[in-house]
Amino acid sequence: MSPFAGSAHRTDPWQHIRVTRQDGVATVTLARPEKLNALTFEAYADLRDLLAELSRERSVRALVLAGEGRGFCSGGDVEEIIGATLGMDTGQLLDFNRMTGQVVRALRECPFPVIAAVHGVAAGAGAVLALAADFRVADPSARFAFLFTRVGLSGGDMGAAYLLPRVIGLGHATRLLMLGDTVRAPEAERLGLISELAEEGRADEAAAALARRLAEGPALAHAQTKALLTAELDMPLAAAVEMDAATQALLMNSADYAEFHAAFTEKRTPKWQGK
């Protein structure tokens, strides 16, 4: 995202999520534990706007997305969203569905790695939020369920039909999106849906440790790697290697690249500047 995009001033505090920042790591917590962190219209909008804001600030080098209470996120709130959508016309429904997709795009396109710390249920939209993260650190209690067909909708919601086959393969993705089966942590790890299986009760801690490791590293290199991973998903090889070459040429002019050489020569740890 461009840091020059027009926007309102920084939002503080956020009304539907809890946000903390420390040493380059932002922690975003879905905070409706009494509803298993079910998402409302306002929560979707806050996530979309927050991610855009953090991308413009350029102070965040890693982000942890977590859920308060017994689970990560149970998806869209049945009472507040599904009931309301039954009274909407097609234009309003299209606006709402585009907004939920914008949250996923923001997770994929923000210039810092995102780590989902998953415990308990990650269902429906909650499963897609975790899927859209760059890393999924999960508690043994974690269970994922893409439940869209169970409510009579397409399993390809919020980019799920795009992202899931690319993470776990078309065959497994077809089963999960078509049937809406629940996948518990051991199977999710076997399928590649989980990046790291944490010890019981320590998913948040493990996610925070990974975020600190990323935040202490070369932020510009991480941002460009994430951008290439997303952009090259649909590119032919010739276009991909050309984009790689152009990216590396630019990074070879960066302060971090020169800093690595200086640190190597002086036998010290690099002091990454992210530029």
C-alpha atoms as a PDB file:
ATOM      1  CA  MET A   1       0.000   0.000   0.000  1.00  0.00           C
ATOM      2  CA  SER A   2       1.138   3.536  -0.677  1.00  0.00           C
ATOM      3  CA  PRO A   3       2.055   5.569   2.410  1.00  0.00           C
ATOM      4  CA  PHE A   4       0.682   8.608   0.569  1.00  0.00           C
ATOM      5  CA  ALA A   5      -2.891   7.334   0.302  1.00  0.00           C
ATOM      6  CA  GLY A   6      -5.407   9.840   1.595  1.00  0.00           C
ATOM      7  CA  SER A   7      -6.877   8.825   4.937  1.00  0.00           C
ATOM      8  CA  ALA A   8      -8.243  10.007   8.240  1.00  0.00           C
ATOM      9  CA  HIS A   9      -5.924  10.477  11.181  1.00  0.00           C
ATOM     10  CA  ARG A  10      -4.925   7.542  13.374  1.00  0.00           C
ATOM     11  CA  THR A  11      -7.857   5.908  15.161  1.00  0.00           C
ATOM     12  CA  ASP A  12      -7.446   5.477  18.906  1.00  0.00           C
ATOM     13  CA  PRO A  13      -9.082   3.594  20.473  1.00  0.00           C
ATOM     14  CA  TRP A  14     -10.674   1.039  18.187  1.00  0.00           C
ATOM     15  CA  GLN A  15     -14.197   0.112  19.256  1.00  0.00           C
ATOM     16  CA  HIS A  16     -14.521  -3.519  18.164  1.00  0.00           C
ATOM     17  CA  ILE A  17     -10.987  -4.893  18.478  1.00  0.00           C
ATOM     18  CA  ARG A  18      -8.125  -4.382  20.915  1.00  0.00           C
ATOM     19  CA  VAL A  19      -4.827  -3.114  19.524  1.00  0.00           C
ATOM     20  CA  THR A  20      -1.442  -2.913  21.248  1.00  0.00           C
ATOM     21  CA  ARG A  21       1.956  -1.986  19.853  1.00  0.00           C
ATOM     22  CA  GLN A  22       5.390  -2.816  21.240  1.00  0.00           C
ATOM     23  CA  ASP A  23       8.844  -2.860  19.624  1.00  0.00           C
ATOM     24  CA  GLY A  24       7.522  -2.990  16.078  1.00  0.00           C
ATOM     25  CA  VAL A  25       4.912  -5.686  16.807  1.00  0.00           C
ATOM     26  CA  ALA A  26       1.199  -4.899  16.668  1.00  0.00           C
ATOM     27  CA  THR A  27      -1.143  -7.320  18.417  1.00  0.00           C
ATOM     28  CA  VAL A  28      -4.744  -7.210  17.245  1.00  0.00           C
ATOM     29  CA  THR A  29      -7.165  -9.107  19.476  1.00  0.00           C
ATOM     30  CA  LEU A  30     -10.733  -9.933  18.542  1.00  0.00           C
ATOM     31  CA  ALA A  31     -12.465  -9.097  21.799  1.00  0.00           C
ATOM     32  CA  ARG A  32     -15.997 -10.489  22.009  1.00  0.00           C
ATOM     33  CA  PRO A  33     -15.241 -13.551  24.121  1.00  0.00           C
ATOM     34  CA  GLU A  34     -18.871 -13.987  25.166  1.00  0.00           C
ATOM     35  CA  LYS A  35     -19.700 -14.565  21.462  1.00  0.00           C
ATOM     36  CA  LEU A  36     -16.532 -16.555  20.624  1.00  0.00           C
ATOM     37  CA  ASN A  37     -15.306 -13.363  18.943  1.00  0.00           C
ATOM     38  CA  ALA A  38     -18.022 -13.488  16.297  1.00  0.00           C
ATOM     39  CA  LEU A  39     -17.578 -10.697  13.761  1.00  0.00           C
ATOM     40  CA  THR A  40     -20.016  -7.835  13.325  1.00  0.00           C
ATOM     41  CA  PHE A  41     -20.310  -5.367  10.442  1.00  0.00           C
ATOM     42  CA  GLU A  42     -18.337  -2.896  12.535  1.00  0.00           C
ATOM     43  CA  ALA A  43     -15.607  -5.414  13.401  1.00  0.00           C
ATOM     44  CA  TYR A  44     -15.024  -6.171   9.720  1.00  0.00           C
ATOM     45  CA  ALA A  45     -14.790  -2.459   8.975  1.00  0.00           C
ATOM     46  CA  ASP A  46     -12.414  -1.872  11.878  1.00  0.00           C
ATOM     47  CA  LEU A  47     -10.093  -4.655  10.722  1.00  0.00           C
ATOM     48  CA  ARG A  48     -10.087  -3.302   7.169  1.00  0.00           C
ATOM     49  CA  ASP A  49      -9.369   0.253   8.308  1.00  0.00           C
ATOM     50  CA  LEU A  50      -6.811  -0.741  10.935  1.00  0.00           C
ATOM     51  CA  LEU A  51      -4.742  -2.751   8.469  1.00  0.00           C
ATOM     52  CA  ALA A  52      -4.711   0.153   6.031  1.00  0.00           C
ATOM     53  CA  GLU A  53      -3.693   2.512   8.816  1.00  0.00           C
ATOM     54  CA  LEU A  54      -0.866   0.305  10.074  1.00  0.00           C
ATOM     55  CA  SER A  55       0.389  -0.127   6.514  1.00  0.00           C
ATOM     56  CA  ARG A  56       0.652   3.640   6.091  1.00  0.00           C
ATOM     57  CA  GLU A  57       2.357   4.185   9.454  1.00  0.00           C
ATOM     58  CA  ARG A  58       5.367   2.069   8.474  1.00  0.00           C
ATOM     59  CA  SER A  59       6.227   1.503  12.148  1.00  0.00           C
ATOM     60  CA  VAL A  60       4.813  -2.030  12.362  1.00  0.00           C
ATOM     61  CA  ARG A  61       7.182  -4.819  11.310  1.00  0.00           C
ATOM     62  CA  ALA A  62       4.990  -7.787  12.308  1.00  0.00           C
ATOM     63  CA  LEU A  63       1.382  -8.297  13.392  1.00  0.00           C
ATOM     64  CA  VAL A  64      -0.252 -10.944  15.587  1.00  0.00           C
ATOM     65  CA  LEU A  65      -3.967 -11.605  15.115  1.00  0.00           C
ATOM     66  CA  ALA A  66      -5.478 -13.339  18.147  1.00  0.00           C
ATOM     67  CA  GLY A  67      -8.803 -14.038  19.826  1.00  0.00           C
ATOM     68  CA  GLU A  68      -9.790 -13.466  23.429  1.00  0.00           C
ATOM     69  CA  GLY A  69     -11.380 -16.179  25.554  1.00  0.00           C
ATOM     70  CA  ARG A  70     -12.209 -19.748  24.529  1.00  0.00           C
ATOM     71  CA  GLY A  71     -11.610 -19.478  20.792  1.00  0.00           C
ATOM     72  CA  PHE A  72     -10.055 -17.548  17.927  1.00  0.00           C
ATOM     73  CA  CYS A  73     -13.176 -16.539  15.981  1.00  0.00           C
ATOM     74  CA  SER A  74     -16.480 -18.281  15.330  1.00  0.00           C
ATOM     75  CA  GLY A  75     -17.138 -16.336  12.119  1.00  0.00           C
ATOM     76  CA  GLY A  76     -19.840 -13.822  11.320  1.00  0.00           C
ATOM     77  CA  ASP A  77     -22.341 -13.155  14.096  1.00  0.00           C
ATOM     78  CA  VAL A  78     -25.503 -15.098  13.210  1.00  0.00           C
ATOM     79  CA  GLU A  79     -27.839 -12.664  14.942  1.00  0.00           C
ATOM     80  CA  GLU A  80     -26.182  -9.406  13.907  1.00  0.00           C
ATOM     81  CA  ILE A  81     -25.127 -10.294  10.352  1.00  0.00           C
ATOM     82  CA  ILE A  82     -27.128 -13.186   8.926  1.00  0.00           C
ATOM     83  CA  GLY A  83     -30.412 -11.810  10.218  1.00  0.00           C
ATOM     84  CA  ALA A  84     -29.610  -8.354   8.858  1.00  0.00           C
ATOM     85  CA  THR A  85     -28.530  -9.599   5.435  1.00  0.00           C
ATOM     86  CA  LEU A  86     -31.936 -11.203   4.890  1.00  0.00           C
ATOM     87  CA  GLY A  87     -33.368  -7.697   4.699  1.00  0.00           C
ATOM     88  CA  MET A  88     -30.757  -6.254   2.331  1.00  0.00           C
ATOM     89  CA  ASP A  89     -31.079  -5.726  -1.390  1.00  0.00           C
ATOM     90  CA  THR A  90     -28.493  -7.001  -3.876  1.00  0.00           C
ATOM     91  CA  GLY A  91     -26.504  -3.769  -3.901  1.00  0.00           C
ATOM     92  CA  GLN A  92     -26.203  -3.716  -0.129  1.00  0.00           C
ATOM     93  CA  LEU A  93     -25.235  -7.379  -0.058  1.00  0.00           C
ATOM     94  CA  LEU A  94     -22.563  -6.778  -2.672  1.00  0.00           C
ATOM     95  CA  ASP A  95     -21.149  -3.888  -0.631  1.00  0.00           C
ATOM     96  CA  PHE A  96     -21.016  -6.071   2.490  1.00  0.00           C
ATOM     97  CA  ASN A  97     -19.357  -9.014   0.743  1.00  0.00           C
ATOM     98  CA  ARG A  98     -16.830  -6.725  -0.908  1.00  0.00           C
ATOM     99  CA  MET A  99     -15.983  -5.290   2.504  1.00  0.00           C
ATOM    100  CA  THR A 100     -15.261  -8.728   3.972  1.00  0.00           C
ATOM    101  CA  GLY A 101     -13.052  -9.471   0.980  1.00  0.00           C
ATOM    102  CA  GLN A 102     -11.217  -6.195   1.532  1.00  0.00           C
ATOM    103  CA  VAL A 103     -10.174  -7.451   4.982  1.00  0.00           C
ATOM    104  CA  VAL A 104      -8.583 -10.530   3.398  1.00  0.00           C
ATOM    105  CA  ARG A 105      -6.870  -8.442   0.737  1.00  0.00           C
ATOM    106  CA  ALA A 106      -5.539  -6.129   3.435  1.00  0.00           C
ATOM    107  CA  LEU A 107      -4.077  -9.096   5.335  1.00  0.00           C
ATOM    108  CA  ARG A 108      -2.377 -10.355   2.173  1.00  0.00           C
ATOM    109  CA  GLU A 109      -1.217  -6.967   0.908  1.00  0.00           C
ATOM    110  CA  CYS A 110      -0.036  -5.247   4.103  1.00  0.00           C
ATOM    111  CA  PRO A 111       3.761  -4.754   4.038  1.00  0.00           C
ATOM    112  CA  PHE A 112       4.482  -6.821   7.154  1.00  0.00           C
ATOM    113  CA  PRO A 113       4.043 -10.493   8.049  1.00  0.00           C
ATOM    114  CA  VAL A 114       0.856 -11.485   9.859  1.00  0.00           C
ATOM    115  CA  ILE A 115       0.771 -14.338  12.379  1.00  0.00           C
ATOM    116  CA  ALA A 116      -2.581 -15.807  13.392  1.00  0.00           C
ATOM    117  CA  ALA A 117      -2.495 -17.234  16.935  1.00  0.00           C
ATOM    118  CA  VAL A 118      -5.276 -19.818  16.836  1.00  0.00           C
ATOM    119  CA  HIS A 119      -6.812 -21.629  19.767  1.00  0.00           C
ATOM    120  CA  GLY A 120     -10.212 -23.237  19.952  1.00  0.00           C
ATOM    121  CA  VAL A 121     -12.577 -22.576  17.086  1.00  0.00           C
ATOM    122  CA  ALA A 122     -11.665 -20.799  13.854  1.00  0.00           C
ATOM    123  CA  ALA A 123     -14.868 -21.149  11.852  1.00  0.00           C
ATOM    124  CA  GLY A 124     -16.358 -19.516   8.783  1.00  0.00           C
ATOM    125  CA  ALA A 125     -14.908 -16.040   8.378  1.00  0.00           C
ATOM    126  CA  GLY A 126     -12.628 -16.777  11.344  1.00  0.00           C
ATOM    127  CA  ALA A 127     -11.064 -19.657   9.426  1.00  0.00           C
ATOM    128  CA  VAL A 128     -10.526 -17.392   6.412  1.00  0.00           C
ATOM    129  CA  LEU A 129      -8.866 -14.696   8.543  1.00  0.00           C
ATOM    130  CA  ALA A 130      -6.421 -17.315   9.825  1.00  0.00           C
ATOM    131  CA  LEU A 131      -5.934 -18.624   6.280  1.00  0.00           C
ATOM    132  CA  ALA A 132      -5.099 -15.140   5.009  1.00  0.00           C
ATOM    133  CA  ALA A 133      -2.291 -14.748   7.568  1.00  0.00           C
ATOM    134  CA  ASP A 134       1.284 -15.519   6.547  1.00  0.00           C
ATOM    135  CA  PHE A 135       1.753 -17.871   9.506  1.00  0.00           C
ATOM    136  CA  ARG A 136      -0.744 -19.857  11.574  1.00  0.00           C
ATOM    137  CA  VAL A 137       0.542 -20.769  15.040  1.00  0.00           C
ATOM    138  CA  ALA A 138      -2.003 -23.081  16.606  1.00  0.00           C
ATOM    139  CA  ASP A 139      -2.799 -24.564  19.988  1.00  0.00           C
ATOM    140  CA  PRO A 140      -3.602 -28.317  20.064  1.00  0.00           C
ATOM    141  CA  SER A 141      -7.194 -27.252  20.776  1.00  0.00           C
ATOM    142  CA  ALA A 142      -7.454 -25.427  17.431  1.00  0.00           C
ATOM    143  CA  ARG A 143     -10.072 -26.540  14.968  1.00  0.00           C
ATOM    144  CA  PHE A 144     -10.799 -25.031  11.570  1.00  0.00           C
ATOM    145  CA  ALA A 145     -14.121 -25.185   9.724  1.00  0.00           C
ATOM    146  CA  PHE A 146     -15.076 -23.418   6.494  1.00  0.00           C
ATOM    147  CA  LEU A 147     -18.807 -23.523   7.139  1.00  0.00           C
ATOM    148  CA  PHE A 148     -20.210 -21.450   4.270  1.00  0.00           C
ATOM    149  CA  THR A 149     -22.029 -24.272   2.475  1.00  0.00           C
ATOM    150  CA  ARG A 150     -23.596 -25.279   5.793  1.00  0.00           C
ATOM    151  CA  VAL A 151     -25.627 -22.051   5.674  1.00  0.00           C
ATOM    152  CA  GLY A 152     -26.476 -22.380   1.992  1.00  0.00           C
ATOM    153  CA  LEU A 153     -23.724 -20.151   0.604  1.00  0.00           C
ATOM    154  CA  SER A 154     -20.725 -20.765  -1.624  1.00  0.00           C
ATOM    155  CA  GLY A 155     -17.642 -22.222   0.010  1.00  0.00           C
ATOM    156  CA  GLY A 156     -15.634 -19.662  -1.962  1.00  0.00           C
ATOM    157  CA  ASP A 157     -16.228 -16.798   0.454  1.00  0.00           C
ATOM    158  CA  MET A 158     -13.745 -13.989   1.171  1.00  0.00           C
ATOM    159  CA  GLY A 159     -11.154 -15.511  -1.155  1.00  0.00           C
ATOM    160  CA  ALA A 160     -11.213 -18.958   0.464  1.00  0.00           C
ATOM    161  CA  ALA A 161     -11.447 -20.771  -2.885  1.00  0.00           C
ATOM    162  CA  TYR A 162      -8.381 -18.851  -4.052  1.00  0.00           C
ATOM    163  CA  LEU A 163      -6.213 -19.169  -0.952  1.00  0.00           C
ATOM    164  CA  LEU A 164      -7.000 -22.605   0.468  1.00  0.00           C
ATOM    165  CA  PRO A 165      -6.002 -24.699  -2.600  1.00  0.00           C
ATOM    166  CA  ARG A 166      -2.722 -22.801  -2.689  1.00  0.00           C
ATOM    167  CA  VAL A 167      -2.024 -23.656   0.954  1.00  0.00           C
ATOM    168  CA  ILE A 168      -3.193 -27.290   1.179  1.00  0.00           C
ATOM    169  CA  GLY A 169      -3.855 -28.354  -2.426  1.00  0.00           C
ATOM    170  CA  LEU A 170      -7.004 -28.571  -4.522  1.00  0.00           C
ATOM    171  CA  GLY A 171      -8.174 -31.990  -3.316  1.00  0.00           C
ATOM    172  CA  HIS A 172      -8.107 -31.165   0.383  1.00  0.00           C
ATOM    173  CA  ALA A 173      -9.492 -27.677  -0.245  1.00  0.00           C
ATOM    174  CA  THR A 174     -12.421 -29.121  -2.217  1.00  0.00           C
ATOM    175  CA  ARG A 175     -13.343 -31.371   0.712  1.00  0.00           C
ATOM    176  CA  LEU A 176     -13.112 -28.633   3.315  1.00  0.00           C
ATOM    177  CA  LEU A 177     -14.945 -25.974   1.301  1.00  0.00           C
ATOM    178  CA  MET A 178     -17.603 -28.279  -0.142  1.00  0.00           C
ATOM    179  CA  LEU A 179     -18.454 -30.258   2.989  1.00  0.00           C
ATOM    180  CA  GLY A 180     -17.604 -27.764   5.711  1.00  0.00           C
ATOM    181  CA  ASP A 181     -15.908 -30.474   7.764  1.00  0.00           C
ATOM    182  CA  THR A 182     -14.113 -29.520  10.977  1.00  0.00           C
ATOM    183  CA  VAL A 183     -10.360 -30.073  10.867  1.00  0.00           C
ATOM    184  CA  ARG A 184      -8.647 -30.430  14.228  1.00  0.00           C
ATOM    185  CA  ALA A 185      -5.081 -29.399  14.914  1.00  0.00           C
ATOM    186  CA  PRO A 186      -3.277 -32.716  14.154  1.00  0.00           C
ATOM    187  CA  GLU A 187      -4.911 -33.056  10.725  1.00  0.00           C
ATOM    188  CA  ALA A 188      -4.532 -29.339  10.019  1.00  0.00           C
ATOM    189  CA  GLU A 189      -0.803 -29.647  10.685  1.00  0.00           C
ATOM    190  CA  ARG A 190      -0.575 -32.669   8.401  1.00  0.00           C
ATOM    191  CA  LEU A 191      -2.362 -30.810   5.598  1.00  0.00           C
ATOM    192  CA  GLY A 192      -0.058 -27.808   5.945  1.00  0.00           C
ATOM    193  CA  LEU A 193      -2.779 -25.478   7.208  1.00  0.00           C
ATOM    194  CA  ILE A 194      -0.819 -24.928  10.441  1.00  0.00           C
ATOM    195  CA  SER A 195       2.645 -23.373  10.272  1.00  0.00           C
ATOM    196  CA  GLU A 196       3.569 -24.235  13.853  1.00  0.00           C
ATOM    197  CA  LEU A 197       1.807 -26.408  16.422  1.00  0.00           C
ATOM    198  CA  ALA A 198       2.464 -24.845  19.812  1.00  0.00           C
ATOM    199  CA  GLU A 199       2.399 -26.503  23.202  1.00  0.00           C
ATOM    200  CA  GLU A 200      -0.979 -26.556  24.919  1.00  0.00           C
ATOM    201  CA  GLY A 201      -2.022 -23.108  26.071  1.00  0.00           C
ATOM    202  CA  ARG A 202       0.992 -21.396  24.515  1.00  0.00           C
ATOM    203  CA  ALA A 203      -0.134 -20.429  21.011  1.00  0.00           C
ATOM    204  CA  ASP A 204      -0.229 -16.715  21.865  1.00  0.00           C
ATOM    205  CA  GLU A 205       3.242 -16.933  23.386  1.00  0.00           C
ATOM    206  CA  ALA A 206       4.652 -18.809  20.391  1.00  0.00           C
ATOM    207  CA  ALA A 207       3.039 -16.352  17.973  1.00  0.00           C
ATOM    208  CA  ALA A 208       4.493 -13.422  19.906  1.00  0.00           C
ATOM    209  CA  ALA A 209       7.954 -14.988  19.809  1.00  0.00           C
ATOM    210  CA  LEU A 210       7.720 -15.447  16.044  1.00  0.00           C
ATOM    211  CA  ALA A 211       6.503 -11.860  15.652  1.00  0.00           C
ATOM    212  CA  ARG A 212       9.463 -10.553  17.653  1.00  0.00           C
ATOM    213  CA  ARG A 213      11.855 -12.603  15.524  1.00  0.00           C
ATOM    214  CA  LEU A 214      10.337 -11.155  12.363  1.00  0.00           C
ATOM    215  CA  ALA A 215      10.249  -7.612  13.758  1.00  0.00           C
ATOM    216  CA  GLU A 216      13.951  -7.798  14.608  1.00  0.00           C
ATOM    217  CA  GLY A 217      14.817  -8.873  11.066  1.00  0.00           C
ATOM    218  CA  PRO A 218      15.126  -7.025   7.753  1.00  0.00           C
ATOM    219  CA  ALA A 219      11.644  -5.524   7.382  1.00  0.00           C
ATOM    220  CA  LEU A 220      12.118  -4.420   3.777  1.00  0.00           C
ATOM    221  CA  ALA A 221      13.217  -7.905   2.729  1.00  0.00           C
ATOM    222  CA  HIS A 222      10.235  -9.427   4.536  1.00  0.00           C
ATOM    223  CA  ALA A 223       7.821  -6.982   2.892  1.00  0.00           C
ATOM    224  CA  GLN A 224       9.140  -7.695  -0.594  1.00  0.00           C
ATOM    225  CA  THR A 225       9.134 -11.456  -0.008  1.00  0.00           C
ATOM    226  CA  LYS A 226       5.488 -11.300   1.063  1.00  0.00           C
ATOM    227  CA  ALA A 227       4.601  -9.154  -1.944  1.00  0.00           C
ATOM    228  CA  LEU A 228       6.271 -11.605  -4.337  1.00  0.00           C
ATOM    229  CA  LEU A 229       4.632 -14.637  -2.737  1.00  0.00           C
ATOM    230  CA  THR A 230       1.244 -13.060  -3.345  1.00  0.00           C
ATOM    231  CA  ALA A 231       1.922 -11.567  -6.776  1.00  0.00           C
ATOM    232  CA  GLU A 232       3.586 -14.642  -8.262  1.00  0.00           C
ATOM    233  CA  LEU A 233       0.801 -17.094  -7.378  1.00  0.00           C
ATOM    234  CA  ASP A 234      -0.733 -16.587 -10.815  1.00  0.00           C
ATOM    235  CA  MET A 235       2.318 -15.676 -12.881  1.00  0.00           C
ATOM    236  CA  PRO A 236       4.079 -17.787 -15.490  1.00  0.00           C
ATOM    237  CA  LEU A 237       7.671 -18.618 -14.587  1.00  0.00           C
ATOM    238  CA  ALA A 238       9.180 -16.111 -17.017  1.00  0.00           C
ATOM    239  CA  ALA A 239       7.233 -13.239 -15.478  1.00  0.00           C
ATOM    240  CA  ALA A 240       8.032 -14.421 -11.953  1.00  0.00           C
ATOM    241  CA  VAL A 241      11.792 -14.613 -12.444  1.00  0.00           C
ATOM    242  CA  GLU A 242      11.741 -11.187 -14.117  1.00  0.00           C
ATOM    243  CA  MET A 243       9.894  -9.737 -11.108  1.00  0.00           C
ATOM    244  CA  ASP A 244      12.401 -11.460  -8.811  1.00  0.00           C
ATOM    245  CA  ALA A 245      15.282  -9.928 -10.746  1.00  0.00           C
ATOM    246  CA  ALA A 246      13.812  -6.419 -10.593  1.00  0.00           C
ATOM    247  CA  THR A 247      13.089  -6.752  -6.872  1.00  0.00           C
ATOM    248  CA  GLN A 248      16.583  -7.990  -6.069  1.00  0.00           C
ATOM    249  CA  ALA A 249      18.155  -5.173  -8.100  1.00  0.00           C
ATOM    250  CA  LEU A 250      16.213  -2.640  -6.044  1.00  0.00           C
ATOM    251  CA  LEU A 251      17.063  -4.323  -2.732  1.00  0.00           C
ATOM    252  CA  MET A 252      20.739  -4.468  -3.664  1.00  0.00           C
ATOM    253  CA  ASN A 253      20.612  -0.671  -3.495  1.00  0.00           C
ATOM    254  CA  SER A 254      19.082  -0.738  -0.009  1.00  0.00           C
ATOM    255  CA  ALA A 255      20.709   0.325   3.247  1.00  0.00           C
ATOM    256  CA  ASP A 256      20.014  -3.115   4.723  1.00  0.00           C
ATOM    257  CA  TYR A 257      21.972  -4.898   1.995  1.00  0.00           C
ATOM    258  CA  ALA A 258      24.966  -2.624   2.598  1.00  0.00           C
ATOM    259  CA  GLU A 259      24.544  -3.111   6.351  1.00  0.00           C
ATOM    260  CA  PHE A 260      24.721  -6.885   5.982  1.00  0.00           C
ATOM    261  CA  HIS A 261      28.035  -6.602   4.165  1.00  0.00           C
ATOM    262  CA  ALA A 262      29.421  -4.177   6.752  1.00  0.00           C
ATOM    263  CA  ALA A 263      28.301  -6.418   9.611  1.00  0.00           C
ATOM    264  CA  PHE A 264      29.750  -9.511   7.937  1.00  0.00           C
ATOM    265  CA  THR A 265      33.063  -7.747   7.386  1.00  0.00           C
ATOM    266  CA  GLU A 266      33.166  -6.454  10.962  1.00  0.00           C
ATOM    267  CA  LYS A 267      31.992  -9.789  12.402  1.00  0.00           C
ATOM    268  CA  ARG A 268      28.933  -8.329  14.157  1.00  0.00           C
ATOM    269  CA  THR A 269      25.160  -8.684  14.046  1.00  0.00           C
ATOM    270  CA  PRO A 270      23.466  -6.528  11.388  1.00  0.00           C
ATOM    271  CA  LYS A 271      21.470  -3.498  12.550  1.00  0.00           C
ATOM    272  CA  TRP A 272      18.524  -3.648  10.189  1.00  0.00           C
ATOM    273  CA  GLN A 273      16.906  -0.335   9.288  1.00  0.00           C
ATOM    274  CA  GLY A 274      14.122  -1.549   7.048  1.00  0.00           C
ATOM    275  CA  LYS A 275      15.211   0.659   4.182  1.00  0.00           C
END
